[in-house]
């Protein structure tokens, strides 16, 4: 299907997708809300590997879905006081323009499905390794209000923006780990809340690039959002009361296996 403004195709939803997509959305939404991990590490590989959706369409649709559901989780964390606005500000300055550029490059330059799958696989593998490092890293103490570090925070935004625009992976996985390194004494809840808040304009910018130049499909968007919206709301509420130690190792394994499959190593 050629690139252009909103390419909506196959509007008739079959029974299988009516059931499968909302379940996929629910599981991904719960994971996003609980861990702050972006939908790209789950939704994109699931759509490519299990649903047979072309990589460029999977990335485009995942970003639109994330744009709809991330404000739900961010609002919950904001209400709980888990968002550092000064950190968000510097992240957004770097991520918004770089995410749009990444989206344009993906759609107008990376037109080979195999090459895009390889890029997504490599990014997922990096995300998995960084999530392991985040679990291993143990800060000496927690400080709710460490001073903002503008230059490093800006670099995190630029890096995450490019990767999200290219692959839809990074807003809640790579960037969250990088923020952990830049602000090692910030509480886990505040890290997740801050990351979810900054991801809204980041994903919005990337999504705009994919709407203008990519492939957006209503038959994917609607059922996945119907499952993901309540999932991320529940996950965000639970994350303010419980640790994610039990869920995160499972997700790391799934992300690693997905990356190896996309790289044709499995």
C-alpha atoms as a PDB file:
ATOM      1  CA  UNK A   1       0.000   0.000   0.000  1.00  0.00           C
ATOM      2  CA  UNK A   2       1.511   3.357  -1.040  1.00  0.00           C
ATOM      3  CA  UNK A   3       2.510   5.971   1.522  1.00  0.00           C
ATOM      4  CA  UNK A   4       0.376   9.060   1.991  1.00  0.00           C
ATOM      5  CA  UNK A   5      -2.199  10.592   4.279  1.00  0.00           C
ATOM      6  CA  UNK A   6      -4.085   8.068   6.465  1.00  0.00           C
ATOM      7  CA  UNK A   7      -4.058   4.831   4.443  1.00  0.00           C
ATOM      8  CA  UNK A   8      -7.033   2.950   5.815  1.00  0.00           C
ATOM      9  CA  UNK A   9      -7.560  -0.495   4.344  1.00  0.00           C
ATOM     10  CA  UNK A  10      -9.390  -3.724   5.012  1.00  0.00           C
ATOM     11  CA  UNK A  11     -12.121  -2.011   7.022  1.00  0.00           C
ATOM     12  CA  UNK A  12     -14.058  -5.223   7.606  1.00  0.00           C
ATOM     13  CA  UNK A  13     -12.732  -6.794  10.815  1.00  0.00           C
ATOM     14  CA  UNK A  14     -12.747 -10.574  10.861  1.00  0.00           C
ATOM     15  CA  UNK A  15     -13.655 -12.577  13.962  1.00  0.00           C
ATOM     16  CA  UNK A  16     -10.081 -13.644  14.691  1.00  0.00           C
ATOM     17  CA  UNK A  17      -8.750 -10.095  14.815  1.00  0.00           C
ATOM     18  CA  UNK A  18     -11.764  -8.931  16.818  1.00  0.00           C
ATOM     19  CA  UNK A  19     -10.675 -11.347  19.546  1.00  0.00           C
ATOM     20  CA  UNK A  20      -6.888 -11.352  19.178  1.00  0.00           C
ATOM     21  CA  UNK A  21      -6.160  -7.636  18.892  1.00  0.00           C
ATOM     22  CA  UNK A  22      -8.034  -6.539  22.053  1.00  0.00           C
ATOM     23  CA  UNK A  23      -6.296  -9.291  24.052  1.00  0.00           C
ATOM     24  CA  UNK A  24      -2.908  -8.192  22.703  1.00  0.00           C
ATOM     25  CA  UNK A  25      -3.802  -4.608  23.577  1.00  0.00           C
ATOM     26  CA  UNK A  26      -4.890  -5.539  27.100  1.00  0.00           C
ATOM     27  CA  UNK A  27      -1.655  -7.424  27.848  1.00  0.00           C
ATOM     28  CA  UNK A  28       0.505  -4.661  26.392  1.00  0.00           C
ATOM     29  CA  UNK A  29      -1.473  -1.985  28.244  1.00  0.00           C
ATOM     30  CA  UNK A  30      -1.002  -3.733  31.578  1.00  0.00           C
ATOM     31  CA  UNK A  31       2.750  -3.997  30.945  1.00  0.00           C
ATOM     32  CA  UNK A  32       3.016  -0.328  29.950  1.00  0.00           C
ATOM     33  CA  UNK A  33       1.142   0.845  33.028  1.00  0.00           C
ATOM     34  CA  UNK A  34       3.017  -1.413  35.437  1.00  0.00           C
ATOM     35  CA  UNK A  35       6.562  -0.909  34.180  1.00  0.00           C
ATOM     36  CA  UNK A  36       6.579   2.268  32.095  1.00  0.00           C
ATOM     37  CA  UNK A  37       7.843   0.132  29.230  1.00  0.00           C
ATOM     38  CA  UNK A  38       6.725   1.404  25.833  1.00  0.00           C
ATOM     39  CA  UNK A  39       4.292  -0.534  23.685  1.00  0.00           C
ATOM     40  CA  UNK A  40       6.916  -0.853  20.959  1.00  0.00           C
ATOM     41  CA  UNK A  41       8.775  -3.617  22.780  1.00  0.00           C
ATOM     42  CA  UNK A  42       5.605  -5.737  22.850  1.00  0.00           C
ATOM     43  CA  UNK A  43       3.032  -4.551  20.320  1.00  0.00           C
ATOM     44  CA  UNK A  44       5.377  -4.085  17.363  1.00  0.00           C
ATOM     45  CA  UNK A  45       7.007  -7.563  17.510  1.00  0.00           C
ATOM     46  CA  UNK A  46       3.634  -9.202  18.237  1.00  0.00           C
ATOM     47  CA  UNK A  47       2.063  -7.557  15.196  1.00  0.00           C
ATOM     48  CA  UNK A  48       5.027  -8.493  12.992  1.00  0.00           C
ATOM     49  CA  UNK A  49       5.689 -12.019  14.259  1.00  0.00           C
ATOM     50  CA  UNK A  50       2.242 -13.275  15.247  1.00  0.00           C
ATOM     51  CA  UNK A  51      -0.157 -11.177  13.185  1.00  0.00           C
ATOM     52  CA  UNK A  52       1.904 -11.107   9.980  1.00  0.00           C
ATOM     53  CA  UNK A  53       1.684  -7.316   9.656  1.00  0.00           C
ATOM     54  CA  UNK A  54       4.459  -5.639   7.605  1.00  0.00           C
ATOM     55  CA  UNK A  55       7.069  -3.975   9.812  1.00  0.00           C
ATOM     56  CA  UNK A  56       6.418  -0.436   8.572  1.00  0.00           C
ATOM     57  CA  UNK A  57       2.670  -0.762   9.199  1.00  0.00           C
ATOM     58  CA  UNK A  58       3.306  -2.281  12.645  1.00  0.00           C
ATOM     59  CA  UNK A  59       5.522   0.652  13.641  1.00  0.00           C
ATOM     60  CA  UNK A  60       3.069   3.254  12.324  1.00  0.00           C
ATOM     61  CA  UNK A  61       0.057   1.722  14.054  1.00  0.00           C
ATOM     62  CA  UNK A  62       1.889   1.044  17.311  1.00  0.00           C
ATOM     63  CA  UNK A  63       2.790   4.717  17.587  1.00  0.00           C
ATOM     64  CA  UNK A  64      -0.821   5.826  17.050  1.00  0.00           C
ATOM     65  CA  UNK A  65      -1.966   3.309  19.680  1.00  0.00           C
ATOM     66  CA  UNK A  66       0.686   4.535  22.121  1.00  0.00           C
ATOM     67  CA  UNK A  67      -0.380   8.130  21.549  1.00  0.00           C
ATOM     68  CA  UNK A  68      -3.916   7.205  22.627  1.00  0.00           C
ATOM     69  CA  UNK A  69      -3.087   5.091  25.686  1.00  0.00           C
ATOM     70  CA  UNK A  70      -0.012   6.793  27.173  1.00  0.00           C
ATOM     71  CA  UNK A  71      -1.963   9.816  28.482  1.00  0.00           C
ATOM     72  CA  UNK A  72      -4.042   7.402  30.566  1.00  0.00           C
ATOM     73  CA  UNK A  73      -1.002   6.129  32.418  1.00  0.00           C
ATOM     74  CA  UNK A  74       0.601   9.563  32.579  1.00  0.00           C
ATOM     75  CA  UNK A  75      -2.530  11.093  34.116  1.00  0.00           C
ATOM     76  CA  UNK A  76      -2.579   8.455  36.841  1.00  0.00           C
ATOM     77  CA  UNK A  77       1.061   9.076  37.727  1.00  0.00           C
ATOM     78  CA  UNK A  78       0.634  12.859  37.547  1.00  0.00           C
ATOM     79  CA  UNK A  79      -2.246  12.675  39.988  1.00  0.00           C
ATOM     80  CA  UNK A  80      -0.026  10.641  42.320  1.00  0.00           C
ATOM     81  CA  UNK A  81       2.736  13.282  42.096  1.00  0.00           C
ATOM     82  CA  UNK A  82       5.145  11.031  40.189  1.00  0.00           C
ATOM     83  CA  UNK A  83       6.078  13.434  37.359  1.00  0.00           C
ATOM     84  CA  UNK A  84       9.145  15.712  37.289  1.00  0.00           C
ATOM     85  CA  UNK A  85       8.117  18.496  34.899  1.00  0.00           C
ATOM     86  CA  UNK A  86      11.586  20.042  34.700  1.00  0.00           C
ATOM     87  CA  UNK A  87      13.052  16.749  33.473  1.00  0.00           C
ATOM     88  CA  UNK A  88      10.155  16.286  31.031  1.00  0.00           C
ATOM     89  CA  UNK A  89      10.820  19.733  29.566  1.00  0.00           C
ATOM     90  CA  UNK A  90      14.434  18.967  28.610  1.00  0.00           C
ATOM     91  CA  UNK A  91      13.552  15.534  27.255  1.00  0.00           C
ATOM     92  CA  UNK A  92      10.860  16.976  24.998  1.00  0.00           C
ATOM     93  CA  UNK A  93      13.169  19.659  23.577  1.00  0.00           C
ATOM     94  CA  UNK A  94      15.392  16.891  22.225  1.00  0.00           C
ATOM     95  CA  UNK A  95      12.885  14.149  21.452  1.00  0.00           C
ATOM     96  CA  UNK A  96      10.108  15.924  19.530  1.00  0.00           C
ATOM     97  CA  UNK A  97      12.116  17.072  16.464  1.00  0.00           C
ATOM     98  CA  UNK A  98      14.291  13.941  16.387  1.00  0.00           C
ATOM     99  CA  UNK A  99      11.246  11.630  16.568  1.00  0.00           C
ATOM    100  CA  UNK A 100       9.620  13.315  13.566  1.00  0.00           C
ATOM    101  CA  UNK A 101      12.866  13.089  11.589  1.00  0.00           C
ATOM    102  CA  UNK A 102      13.201   9.408  12.498  1.00  0.00           C
ATOM    103  CA  UNK A 103       9.633   8.716  11.308  1.00  0.00           C
ATOM    104  CA  UNK A 104      10.217  10.467   7.984  1.00  0.00           C
ATOM    105  CA  UNK A 105      13.489   8.602   7.417  1.00  0.00           C
ATOM    106  CA  UNK A 106      11.842   5.254   8.215  1.00  0.00           C
ATOM    107  CA  UNK A 107       9.031   5.742   5.724  1.00  0.00           C
ATOM    108  CA  UNK A 108      10.902   7.464   2.896  1.00  0.00           C
ATOM    109  CA  UNK A 109      14.319   5.792   3.134  1.00  0.00           C
ATOM    110  CA  UNK A 110      13.952   2.414   4.867  1.00  0.00           C
ATOM    111  CA  UNK A 111      11.512   0.878   2.400  1.00  0.00           C
ATOM    112  CA  UNK A 112      12.898  -2.663   2.757  1.00  0.00           C
ATOM    113  CA  UNK A 113      10.817  -4.795   5.156  1.00  0.00           C
ATOM    114  CA  UNK A 114      13.709  -7.127   5.950  1.00  0.00           C
ATOM    115  CA  UNK A 115      16.045  -4.260   6.809  1.00  0.00           C
ATOM    116  CA  UNK A 116      13.406  -2.683   9.036  1.00  0.00           C
ATOM    117  CA  UNK A 117      12.826  -5.986  10.868  1.00  0.00           C
ATOM    118  CA  UNK A 118      16.571  -6.230  11.478  1.00  0.00           C
ATOM    119  CA  UNK A 119      16.662  -2.666  12.832  1.00  0.00           C
ATOM    120  CA  UNK A 120      13.717  -3.365  15.145  1.00  0.00           C
ATOM    121  CA  UNK A 121      15.347  -6.623  16.285  1.00  0.00           C
ATOM    122  CA  UNK A 122      18.625  -4.896  17.134  1.00  0.00           C
ATOM    123  CA  UNK A 123      16.798  -2.128  18.998  1.00  0.00           C
ATOM    124  CA  UNK A 124      14.769  -4.676  20.974  1.00  0.00           C
ATOM    125  CA  UNK A 125      17.941  -6.566  21.878  1.00  0.00           C
ATOM    126  CA  UNK A 126      19.528  -3.357  23.148  1.00  0.00           C
ATOM    127  CA  UNK A 127      16.341  -2.547  25.065  1.00  0.00           C
ATOM    128  CA  UNK A 128      16.376  -5.992  26.685  1.00  0.00           C
ATOM    129  CA  UNK A 129      20.015  -5.633  27.753  1.00  0.00           C
ATOM    130  CA  UNK A 130      19.358  -2.196  29.206  1.00  0.00           C
ATOM    131  CA  UNK A 131      16.328  -3.460  31.120  1.00  0.00           C
ATOM    132  CA  UNK A 132      18.536  -6.128  32.688  1.00  0.00           C
ATOM    133  CA  UNK A 133      21.022  -3.443  33.688  1.00  0.00           C
ATOM    134  CA  UNK A 134      18.223  -1.426  35.232  1.00  0.00           C
ATOM    135  CA  UNK A 135      17.232  -4.426  37.378  1.00  0.00           C
ATOM    136  CA  UNK A 136      20.815  -5.020  38.477  1.00  0.00           C
ATOM    137  CA  UNK A 137      21.567  -1.370  39.236  1.00  0.00           C
ATOM    138  CA  UNK A 138      20.881  -0.531  42.866  1.00  0.00           C
ATOM    139  CA  UNK A 139      21.199   3.147  43.858  1.00  0.00           C
ATOM    140  CA  UNK A 140      22.595   3.944  47.274  1.00  0.00           C
ATOM    141  CA  UNK A 141      19.580   6.024  48.233  1.00  0.00           C
ATOM    142  CA  UNK A 142      16.421   7.689  46.999  1.00  0.00           C
ATOM    143  CA  UNK A 143      16.119  11.450  46.562  1.00  0.00           C
ATOM    144  CA  UNK A 144      12.775  12.673  45.264  1.00  0.00           C
ATOM    145  CA  UNK A 145      14.095  16.055  44.038  1.00  0.00           C
ATOM    146  CA  UNK A 146      17.604  15.698  42.553  1.00  0.00           C
ATOM    147  CA  UNK A 147      18.621  18.709  40.428  1.00  0.00           C
ATOM    148  CA  UNK A 148      17.880  18.527  36.712  1.00  0.00           C
ATOM    149  CA  UNK A 149      20.847  17.760  34.423  1.00  0.00           C
ATOM    150  CA  UNK A 150      19.974  19.635  31.191  1.00  0.00           C
ATOM    151  CA  UNK A 151      22.671  18.432  28.757  1.00  0.00           C
ATOM    152  CA  UNK A 152      22.457  14.734  29.596  1.00  0.00           C
ATOM    153  CA  UNK A 153      18.668  14.879  29.695  1.00  0.00           C
ATOM    154  CA  UNK A 154      18.603  16.571  26.283  1.00  0.00           C
ATOM    155  CA  UNK A 155      20.853  13.833  24.840  1.00  0.00           C
ATOM    156  CA  UNK A 156      18.540  11.154  26.230  1.00  0.00           C
ATOM    157  CA  UNK A 157      15.623  12.890  24.495  1.00  0.00           C
ATOM    158  CA  UNK A 158      17.414  13.071  21.135  1.00  0.00           C
ATOM    159  CA  UNK A 159      18.525   9.433  21.279  1.00  0.00           C
ATOM    160  CA  UNK A 160      15.125   8.150  22.289  1.00  0.00           C
ATOM    161  CA  UNK A 161      13.335  10.335  19.751  1.00  0.00           C
ATOM    162  CA  UNK A 162      15.307   8.984  16.789  1.00  0.00           C
ATOM    163  CA  UNK A 163      14.816   5.363  17.842  1.00  0.00           C
ATOM    164  CA  UNK A 164      11.101   5.782  18.496  1.00  0.00           C
ATOM    165  CA  UNK A 165      10.572   7.454  15.133  1.00  0.00           C
ATOM    166  CA  UNK A 166      12.444   4.664  13.339  1.00  0.00           C
ATOM    167  CA  UNK A 167      11.204   1.599  15.223  1.00  0.00           C
ATOM    168  CA  UNK A 168       8.532   2.686  17.785  1.00  0.00           C
ATOM    169  CA  UNK A 169      10.843   1.142  20.428  1.00  0.00           C
ATOM    170  CA  UNK A 170      12.516   3.244  23.098  1.00  0.00           C
ATOM    171  CA  UNK A 171      10.083   5.650  24.750  1.00  0.00           C
ATOM    172  CA  UNK A 172       9.463   3.436  27.766  1.00  0.00           C
ATOM    173  CA  UNK A 173      12.373   0.992  27.645  1.00  0.00           C
ATOM    174  CA  UNK A 174      15.617   2.565  26.453  1.00  0.00           C
ATOM    175  CA  UNK A 175      14.770   6.047  27.675  1.00  0.00           C
ATOM    176  CA  UNK A 176      13.650   4.806  31.066  1.00  0.00           C
ATOM    177  CA  UNK A 177      16.969   3.025  31.580  1.00  0.00           C
ATOM    178  CA  UNK A 178      18.932   6.050  30.393  1.00  0.00           C
ATOM    179  CA  UNK A 179      16.978   8.210  32.833  1.00  0.00           C
ATOM    180  CA  UNK A 180      17.884   5.748  35.579  1.00  0.00           C
ATOM    181  CA  UNK A 181      21.562   6.340  34.790  1.00  0.00           C
ATOM    182  CA  UNK A 182      21.207  10.128  34.612  1.00  0.00           C
ATOM    183  CA  UNK A 183      19.082  10.259  37.800  1.00  0.00           C
ATOM    184  CA  UNK A 184      20.174   7.175  39.776  1.00  0.00           C
ATOM    185  CA  UNK A 185      18.636   8.349  43.053  1.00  0.00           C
ATOM    186  CA  UNK A 186      15.203   9.226  41.689  1.00  0.00           C
ATOM    187  CA  UNK A 187      12.480   6.858  42.909  1.00  0.00           C
ATOM    188  CA  UNK A 188      11.207   4.166  40.546  1.00  0.00           C
ATOM    189  CA  UNK A 189       7.659   5.528  40.586  1.00  0.00           C
ATOM    190  CA  UNK A 190       8.842   9.019  39.663  1.00  0.00           C
ATOM    191  CA  UNK A 191      11.028   7.636  36.874  1.00  0.00           C
ATOM    192  CA  UNK A 192       8.063   5.759  35.393  1.00  0.00           C
ATOM    193  CA  UNK A 193       5.699   8.724  35.764  1.00  0.00           C
ATOM    194  CA  UNK A 194       8.194  11.162  34.259  1.00  0.00           C
ATOM    195  CA  UNK A 195       8.930   8.823  31.368  1.00  0.00           C
ATOM    196  CA  UNK A 196       5.231   8.337  30.610  1.00  0.00           C
ATOM    197  CA  UNK A 197       4.661  12.102  30.650  1.00  0.00           C
ATOM    198  CA  UNK A 198       7.532  12.905  28.284  1.00  0.00           C
ATOM    199  CA  UNK A 199       6.464  10.076  25.972  1.00  0.00           C
ATOM    200  CA  UNK A 200       3.216  11.855  25.032  1.00  0.00           C
ATOM    201  CA  UNK A 201       4.754  14.678  22.930  1.00  0.00           C
ATOM    202  CA  UNK A 202       7.533  12.324  21.797  1.00  0.00           C
ATOM    203  CA  UNK A 203       5.128   9.696  20.475  1.00  0.00           C
ATOM    204  CA  UNK A 204       2.849  12.428  19.129  1.00  0.00           C
ATOM    205  CA  UNK A 205       5.660  13.806  16.985  1.00  0.00           C
ATOM    206  CA  UNK A 206       6.653  10.347  15.711  1.00  0.00           C
ATOM    207  CA  UNK A 207       3.003   9.454  15.080  1.00  0.00           C
ATOM    208  CA  UNK A 208       2.506  12.620  13.030  1.00  0.00           C
ATOM    209  CA  UNK A 209       5.413  11.629  10.807  1.00  0.00           C
ATOM    210  CA  UNK A 210       3.914   8.183  10.288  1.00  0.00           C
ATOM    211  CA  UNK A 211       0.417   9.574   9.637  1.00  0.00           C
ATOM    212  CA  UNK A 212       1.813  11.851   6.932  1.00  0.00           C
ATOM    213  CA  UNK A 213       4.179   9.346   5.319  1.00  0.00           C
ATOM    214  CA  UNK A 214       3.395   5.897   6.709  1.00  0.00           C
ATOM    215  CA  UNK A 215       0.599   3.339   6.791  1.00  0.00           C
ATOM    216  CA  UNK A 216      -2.175   3.554   9.385  1.00  0.00           C
ATOM    217  CA  UNK A 217      -4.885   0.871   9.524  1.00  0.00           C
ATOM    218  CA  UNK A 218      -8.150   1.273  11.376  1.00  0.00           C
ATOM    219  CA  UNK A 219      -8.707  -2.474  11.587  1.00  0.00           C
ATOM    220  CA  UNK A 220      -5.610  -2.678  13.783  1.00  0.00           C
ATOM    221  CA  UNK A 221      -6.009   0.544  15.728  1.00  0.00           C
ATOM    222  CA  UNK A 222      -9.580   0.204  16.978  1.00  0.00           C
ATOM    223  CA  UNK A 223      -9.525  -3.321  18.508  1.00  0.00           C
ATOM    224  CA  UNK A 224      -6.044  -2.916  20.045  1.00  0.00           C
ATOM    225  CA  UNK A 225      -6.975   0.413  21.637  1.00  0.00           C
ATOM    226  CA  UNK A 226     -10.173  -1.116  23.039  1.00  0.00           C
ATOM    227  CA  UNK A 227      -8.010  -3.617  24.930  1.00  0.00           C
ATOM    228  CA  UNK A 228      -5.039  -1.409  25.730  1.00  0.00           C
ATOM    229  CA  UNK A 229      -6.911   1.559  27.235  1.00  0.00           C
ATOM    230  CA  UNK A 230      -8.322  -0.319  30.257  1.00  0.00           C
ATOM    231  CA  UNK A 231      -5.090  -2.314  30.518  1.00  0.00           C
ATOM    232  CA  UNK A 232      -2.811   0.703  30.902  1.00  0.00           C
ATOM    233  CA  UNK A 233      -5.257   2.318  33.340  1.00  0.00           C
ATOM    234  CA  UNK A 234      -5.246  -0.766  35.565  1.00  0.00           C
ATOM    235  CA  UNK A 235      -1.490  -1.223  35.247  1.00  0.00           C
ATOM    236  CA  UNK A 236      -0.795   2.395  36.171  1.00  0.00           C
ATOM    237  CA  UNK A 237      -2.999   2.190  39.251  1.00  0.00           C
ATOM    238  CA  UNK A 238      -1.342  -1.043  40.371  1.00  0.00           C
ATOM    239  CA  UNK A 239       2.170   0.315  39.765  1.00  0.00           C
ATOM    240  CA  UNK A 240       1.670   3.039  42.363  1.00  0.00           C
ATOM    241  CA  UNK A 241       1.118   0.336  44.989  1.00  0.00           C
ATOM    242  CA  UNK A 242       3.256  -2.624  43.959  1.00  0.00           C
ATOM    243  CA  UNK A 243       6.741  -3.345  42.552  1.00  0.00           C
ATOM    244  CA  UNK A 244       7.162  -4.795  39.071  1.00  0.00           C
ATOM    245  CA  UNK A 245       9.870  -7.309  40.055  1.00  0.00           C
ATOM    246  CA  UNK A 246       7.746 -10.309  39.113  1.00  0.00           C
ATOM    247  CA  UNK A 247       6.623  -8.992  35.724  1.00  0.00           C
ATOM    248  CA  UNK A 248       9.811  -7.415  34.423  1.00  0.00           C
ATOM    249  CA  UNK A 249      11.917 -10.631  34.081  1.00  0.00           C
ATOM    250  CA  UNK A 250       9.137 -12.236  32.039  1.00  0.00           C
ATOM    251  CA  UNK A 251       8.951  -9.212  29.762  1.00  0.00           C
ATOM    252  CA  UNK A 252      12.724  -9.185  29.317  1.00  0.00           C
ATOM    253  CA  UNK A 253      12.637 -12.814  28.187  1.00  0.00           C
ATOM    254  CA  UNK A 254       9.794 -12.119  25.748  1.00  0.00           C
ATOM    255  CA  UNK A 255      11.514  -9.055  24.315  1.00  0.00           C
ATOM    256  CA  UNK A 256      14.784 -10.962  23.900  1.00  0.00           C
ATOM    257  CA  UNK A 257      13.078 -13.873  22.134  1.00  0.00           C
ATOM    258  CA  UNK A 258      11.227 -11.449  19.855  1.00  0.00           C
ATOM    259  CA  UNK A 259      14.437  -9.668  18.929  1.00  0.00           C
ATOM    260  CA  UNK A 260      16.210 -12.946  18.133  1.00  0.00           C
ATOM    261  CA  UNK A 261      13.258 -14.052  16.001  1.00  0.00           C
ATOM    262  CA  UNK A 262      13.257 -10.774  14.048  1.00  0.00           C
ATOM    263  CA  UNK A 263      16.999 -11.165  13.533  1.00  0.00           C
ATOM    264  CA  UNK A 264      16.356 -14.741  12.290  1.00  0.00           C
ATOM    265  CA  UNK A 265      18.525 -16.176  15.054  1.00  0.00           C
ATOM    266  CA  UNK A 266      15.693 -18.451  16.260  1.00  0.00           C
END
